[in-house]
PDB file of N, CA and C in Angstrom:
ATOM      1  N   MET A   1     -11.096   1.020   8.908  1.00  0.00           N
ATOM      2  CA  MET A   1     -10.812   2.032   8.183  1.00  0.00           C
ATOM      3  C   MET A   1      -9.333   2.975   9.053  1.00  0.00           C
ATOM      4  N   VAL A   2      -9.032   2.747  10.198  1.00  0.00           N
ATOM      5  CA  VAL A   2      -7.739   3.586  11.072  1.00  0.00           C
ATOM      6  C   VAL A   2      -6.561   2.779  10.471  1.00  0.00           C
ATOM      7  N   MET A   3      -6.781   1.597  10.195  1.00  0.00           N
ATOM      8  CA  MET A   3      -5.137   0.431   9.661  1.00  0.00           C
ATOM      9  C   MET A   3      -5.277   0.719   7.933  1.00  0.00           C
ATOM     10  N   THR A   4      -6.731   1.318   7.662  1.00  0.00           N
ATOM     11  CA  THR A   4      -6.128   1.652   6.207  1.00  0.00           C
ATOM     12  C   THR A   4      -5.327   3.163   6.175  1.00  0.00           C
ATOM     13  N   LYS A   5      -5.716   3.749   7.188  1.00  0.00           N
ATOM     14  CA  LYS A   5      -5.373   5.604   6.791  1.00  0.00           C
ATOM     15  C   LYS A   5      -3.893   5.572   7.243  1.00  0.00           C
ATOM     16  N   LYS A   6      -3.324   5.053   8.239  1.00  0.00           N
ATOM     17  CA  LYS A   6      -2.181   4.456   8.866  1.00  0.00           C
ATOM     18  C   LYS A   6      -0.944   3.286   7.456  1.00  0.00           C
ATOM     19  N   LEU A   7      -1.663   2.702   6.887  1.00  0.00           N
ATOM     20  CA  LEU A   7      -0.907   2.010   5.293  1.00  0.00           C
ATOM     21  C   LEU A   7      -0.594   2.771   4.770  1.00  0.00           C
ATOM     22  N   THR A   8      -1.787   3.697   4.412  1.00  0.00           N
ATOM     23  CA  THR A   8      -1.605   5.111   3.109  1.00  0.00           C
ATOM     24  C   THR A   8      -0.526   5.638   3.697  1.00  0.00           C
ATOM     25  N   TYR A   9      -0.344   6.517   5.041  1.00  0.00           N
ATOM     26  CA  TYR A   9       0.771   6.917   5.140  1.00  0.00           C
ATOM     27  C   TYR A   9       1.640   6.587   5.557  1.00  0.00           C
ATOM     28  N   ARG A  10       2.087   5.150   5.439  1.00  0.00           N
ATOM     29  CA  ARG A  10       3.156   4.750   5.797  1.00  0.00           C
ATOM     30  C   ARG A  10       3.554   4.571   4.252  1.00  0.00           C
ATOM     31  N   TYR A  11       2.690   4.039   3.010  1.00  0.00           N
ATOM     32  CA  TYR A  11       3.235   4.231   1.069  1.00  0.00           C
ATOM     33  C   TYR A  11       3.312   5.409   0.635  1.00  0.00           C
ATOM     34  N   ALA A  12       3.063   6.764   1.750  1.00  0.00           N
ATOM     35  CA  ALA A  12       3.343   7.284   0.957  1.00  0.00           C
ATOM     36  C   ALA A  12       5.240   8.048   1.430  1.00  0.00           C
ATOM     37  N   PHE A  13       4.600   7.853   2.681  1.00  0.00           N
ATOM     38  CA  PHE A  13       6.727   7.936   3.225  1.00  0.00           C
ATOM     39  C   PHE A  13       7.220   6.813   2.575  1.00  0.00           C
ATOM     40  N   THR A  14       6.941   6.122   2.153  1.00  0.00           N
ATOM     41  CA  THR A  14       8.247   4.774   1.846  1.00  0.00           C
ATOM     42  C   THR A  14       8.186   5.593  -0.189  1.00  0.00           C
ATOM     43  N   LEU A  15       7.366   5.891  -0.491  1.00  0.00           N
ATOM     44  CA  LEU A  15       7.442   6.909  -1.185  1.00  0.00           C
ATOM     45  C   LEU A  15       8.655   7.868  -1.483  1.00  0.00           C
ATOM     46  N   MET A  16       8.038   8.609  -0.774  1.00  0.00           N
ATOM     47  CA  MET A  16       9.090   9.694  -0.423  1.00  0.00           C
ATOM     48  C   MET A  16      10.542   9.615  -0.596  1.00  0.00           C
ATOM     49  N   LYS A  17      10.819   8.516   0.162  1.00  0.00           N
ATOM     50  CA  LYS A  17      12.010   8.004   0.596  1.00  0.00           C
ATOM     51  C   LYS A  17      12.457   7.675  -0.710  1.00  0.00           C
ATOM     52  N   MET A  18      12.190   6.612  -0.880  1.00  0.00           N
ATOM     53  CA  MET A  18      12.317   6.238  -2.376  1.00  0.00           C
ATOM     54  C   MET A  18      12.406   7.338  -3.938  1.00  0.00           C
ATOM     55  N   LYS A  19      12.383   8.533  -3.558  1.00  0.00           N
ATOM     56  CA  LYS A  19      13.346   9.634  -4.280  1.00  0.00           C
ATOM     57  C   LYS A  19      14.584   9.618  -3.816  1.00  0.00           C
ATOM     58  N   ASN A  20      14.584   9.296  -2.578  1.00  0.00           N
ATOM     59  CA  ASN A  20      16.294  10.799  -2.285  1.00  0.00           C
ATOM     60  C   ASN A  20      17.081   9.240  -1.805  1.00  0.00           C
ATOM     61  N   ALA A  21      16.134   7.927  -2.495  1.00  0.00           N
ATOM     62  CA  ALA A  21      17.500   6.830  -1.632  1.00  0.00           C
ATOM     63  C   ALA A  21      18.307   6.083  -2.669  1.00  0.00           C
ATOM     64  N   GLU A  22      20.066   6.416  -2.467  1.00  0.00           N
ATOM     65  CA  GLU A  22      20.859   6.039  -2.976  1.00  0.00           C
ATOM     66  C   GLU A  22      20.782   4.860  -3.036  1.00  0.00           C
ATOM     67  N   GLY A  23      21.081   4.569  -4.516  1.00  0.00           N
ATOM     68  CA  GLY A  23      21.905   3.378  -4.996  1.00  0.00           C
ATOM     69  C   GLY A  23      19.823   2.624  -5.573  1.00  0.00           C
ATOM     70  N   ARG A  24      20.460   1.337  -6.364  1.00  0.00           N
ATOM     71  CA  ARG A  24      19.752   0.405  -7.203  1.00  0.00           C
ATOM     72  C   ARG A  24      19.089  -0.490  -5.471  1.00  0.00           C
ATOM     73  N   ASN A  25      19.796  -0.823  -4.358  1.00  0.00           N
ATOM     74  CA  ASN A  25      19.403  -1.689  -3.486  1.00  0.00           C
ATOM     75  C   ASN A  25      18.574  -1.261  -3.436  1.00  0.00           C
ATOM     76  N   GLU A  26      19.062   0.554  -2.475  1.00  0.00           N
ATOM     77  CA  GLU A  26      18.292   0.978  -1.149  1.00  0.00           C
ATOM     78  C   GLU A  26      16.221   0.950  -2.000  1.00  0.00           C
ATOM     79  N   TYR A  27      16.977   1.592  -3.208  1.00  0.00           N
ATOM     80  CA  TYR A  27      16.150   1.196  -4.379  1.00  0.00           C
ATOM     81  C   TYR A  27      14.561   0.438  -3.840  1.00  0.00           C
ATOM     82  N   MET A  28      15.417  -0.262  -4.988  1.00  0.00           N
ATOM     83  CA  MET A  28      14.808  -2.043  -4.990  1.00  0.00           C
ATOM     84  C   MET A  28      14.024  -2.400  -4.141  1.00  0.00           C
ATOM     85  N   ASP A  29      14.863  -2.172  -1.868  1.00  0.00           N
ATOM     86  CA  ASP A  29      14.438  -2.864  -1.162  1.00  0.00           C
ATOM     87  C   ASP A  29      13.112  -1.715  -0.291  1.00  0.00           C
ATOM     88  N   LEU A  30      13.450  -1.052  -0.827  1.00  0.00           N
ATOM     89  CA  LEU A  30      12.165   0.396  -0.619  1.00  0.00           C
ATOM     90  C   LEU A  30      10.680   0.552  -1.811  1.00  0.00           C
ATOM     91  N   ALA A  31      10.828   0.134  -2.777  1.00  0.00           N
ATOM     92  CA  ALA A  31       9.575  -0.455  -3.856  1.00  0.00           C
ATOM     93  C   ALA A  31       9.696  -1.389  -3.220  1.00  0.00           C
ATOM     94  N   LYS A  32      10.058  -2.393  -3.244  1.00  0.00           N
ATOM     95  CA  LYS A  32       8.993  -4.027  -2.680  1.00  0.00           C
ATOM     96  C   LYS A  32       8.341  -3.861  -1.228  1.00  0.00           C
ATOM     97  N   GLU A  33       8.598  -3.015  -0.209  1.00  0.00           N
ATOM     98  CA  GLU A  33       8.046  -2.484  -0.086  1.00  0.00           C
ATOM     99  C   GLU A  33       6.752  -1.899   0.374  1.00  0.00           C
ATOM    100  N   ALA A  34       7.052  -0.554  -0.655  1.00  0.00           N
ATOM    101  CA  ALA A  34       5.743   0.061  -1.196  1.00  0.00           C
ATOM    102  C   ALA A  34       5.408  -0.686  -2.325  1.00  0.00           C
ATOM    103  N   ASN A  35       5.495  -1.510  -2.704  1.00  0.00           N
ATOM    104  CA  ASN A  35       4.312  -2.172  -3.139  1.00  0.00           C
ATOM    105  C   ASN A  35       3.228  -3.759  -2.091  1.00  0.00           C
ATOM    106  N   LEU A  36       4.531  -4.244  -1.372  1.00  0.00           N
ATOM    107  CA  LEU A  36       3.645  -5.119  -0.168  1.00  0.00           C
ATOM    108  C   LEU A  36       2.434  -4.111   0.527  1.00  0.00           C
ATOM    109  N   LEU A  37       2.849  -2.658   0.736  1.00  0.00           N
ATOM    110  CA  LEU A  37       1.918  -2.414   1.506  1.00  0.00           C
ATOM    111  C   LEU A  37       0.409  -1.133   0.632  1.00  0.00           C
ATOM    112  N   TRP A  38       0.854  -1.653  -0.871  1.00  0.00           N
ATOM    113  CA  TRP A  38      -0.112  -0.720  -1.428  1.00  0.00           C
ATOM    114  C   TRP A  38      -1.430  -2.372  -1.799  1.00  0.00           C
ATOM    115  N   HIS A  39      -0.571  -3.480  -1.428  1.00  0.00           N
ATOM    116  CA  HIS A  39      -1.490  -4.490  -1.349  1.00  0.00           C
ATOM    117  C   HIS A  39      -2.349  -4.649  -0.150  1.00  0.00           C
ATOM    118  N   GLN A  40      -1.397  -4.882   0.677  1.00  0.00           N
ATOM    119  CA  GLN A  40      -2.133  -4.376   1.957  1.00  0.00           C
ATOM    120  C   GLN A  40      -3.442  -3.743   2.266  1.00  0.00           C
ATOM    121  N   ILE A  41      -3.068  -2.142   1.661  1.00  0.00           N
ATOM    122  CA  ILE A  41      -4.485  -0.840   1.809  1.00  0.00           C
ATOM    123  C   ILE A  41      -5.406  -1.277   0.434  1.00  0.00           C
ATOM    124  N   VAL A  42      -5.127  -2.390  -0.581  1.00  0.00           N
ATOM    125  CA  VAL A  42      -5.872  -2.634  -2.008  1.00  0.00           C
ATOM    126  C   VAL A  42      -6.619  -4.311  -0.813  1.00  0.00           C
ATOM    127  N   SER A  43      -6.156  -4.739   0.069  1.00  0.00           N
ATOM    128  CA  SER A  43      -7.494  -6.214   0.433  1.00  0.00           C
ATOM    129  C   SER A  43      -8.016  -5.162   1.468  1.00  0.00           C
ATOM    130  N   GLN A  44      -7.334  -4.438   2.707  1.00  0.00           N
ATOM    131  CA  GLN A  44      -8.499  -4.130   3.743  1.00  0.00           C
ATOM    132  C   GLN A  44      -9.661  -3.056   2.999  1.00  0.00           C
ATOM    133  N   LYS A  45      -9.540  -1.866   1.864  1.00  0.00           N
ATOM    134  CA  LYS A  45     -10.357  -1.475   1.661  1.00  0.00           C
ATOM    135  C   LYS A  45     -11.603  -2.464   0.230  1.00  0.00           C
ATOM    136  N   SER A  46     -11.130  -4.062   0.181  1.00  0.00           N
ATOM    137  CA  SER A  46     -11.735  -5.171  -0.529  1.00  0.00           C
ATOM    138  C   SER A  46     -12.419  -5.097   0.571  1.00  0.00           C
ATOM    139  N   LYS A  47     -11.627  -5.384   1.799  1.00  0.00           N
ATOM    140  CA  LYS A  47     -12.698  -6.248   3.145  1.00  0.00           C
ATOM    141  C   LYS A  47     -13.834  -5.646   3.703  1.00  0.00           C
ATOM    142  N   ASN A  48     -13.991  -3.798   3.788  1.00  0.00           N
ATOM    143  CA  ASN A  48     -14.715  -2.988   3.982  1.00  0.00           C
ATOM    144  C   ASN A  48     -15.664  -2.739   3.554  1.00  0.00           C
ATOM    145  N   THR A  49     -15.269  -3.060   1.727  1.00  0.00           N
ATOM    146  CA  THR A  49     -16.795  -2.407   0.355  1.00  0.00           C
ATOM    147  C   THR A  49     -17.394  -3.675   0.952  1.00  0.00           C
ATOM    148  N   PRO A  50     -18.985  -3.134   1.063  1.00  0.00           N
ATOM    149  CA  PRO A  50     -20.134  -4.034   1.090  1.00  0.00           C
ATOM    150  C   PRO A  50     -20.101  -5.170   0.099  1.00  0.00           C
ATOM    151  N   ARG A  51     -20.752  -5.971   0.226  1.00  0.00           N
ATOM    152  CA  ARG A  51     -21.411  -7.445  -1.134  1.00  0.00           C
ATOM    153  C   ARG A  51     -22.229  -6.881  -1.998  1.00  0.00           C
ATOM    154  N   ILE A  52     -22.322  -6.791  -3.411  1.00  0.00           N
ATOM    155  CA  ILE A  52     -24.187  -6.780  -3.856  1.00  0.00           C
ATOM    156  C   ILE A  52     -23.914  -8.539  -4.531  1.00  0.00           C
ATOM    157  N   ASN A  53     -25.308  -9.326  -3.282  1.00  0.00           N
ATOM    158  CA  ASN A  53     -25.204 -10.495  -4.302  1.00  0.00           C
ATOM    159  C   ASN A  53     -26.350  -9.820  -5.625  1.00  0.00           C
ATOM    160  N   CYS A  54     -25.889 -10.538  -6.558  1.00  0.00           N
ATOM    161  CA  CYS A  54     -26.689 -10.743  -7.962  1.00  0.00           C
ATOM    162  C   CYS A  54     -27.471 -12.012  -8.758  1.00  0.00           C
ATOM    163  N   ARG A  55     -28.519 -12.327  -8.241  1.00  0.00           N
ATOM    164  CA  ARG A  55     -28.797 -13.197  -8.948  1.00  0.00           C
ATOM    165  C   ARG A  55     -30.406 -13.237 -10.083  1.00  0.00           C
ATOM    166  N   ALA A  56     -29.565 -13.338 -11.204  1.00  0.00           N
ATOM    167  CA  ALA A  56     -30.791 -13.685 -11.707  1.00  0.00           C
ATOM    168  C   ALA A  56     -32.001 -14.486 -11.812  1.00  0.00           C
TER     169      ALA A  56
END
């Protein structure tokens, strides 16, 4: 949970930096970083989600 919170803050901060990015290269670098952070957040959340075993 703590790791996801830190990643979420980093993700939000990266999005704010994108708003003030100067030039396409800086914007694209920040977009790539934001994308990686987003995937880390999603994978952390999926690890913490309890699995439901459904068998008919």
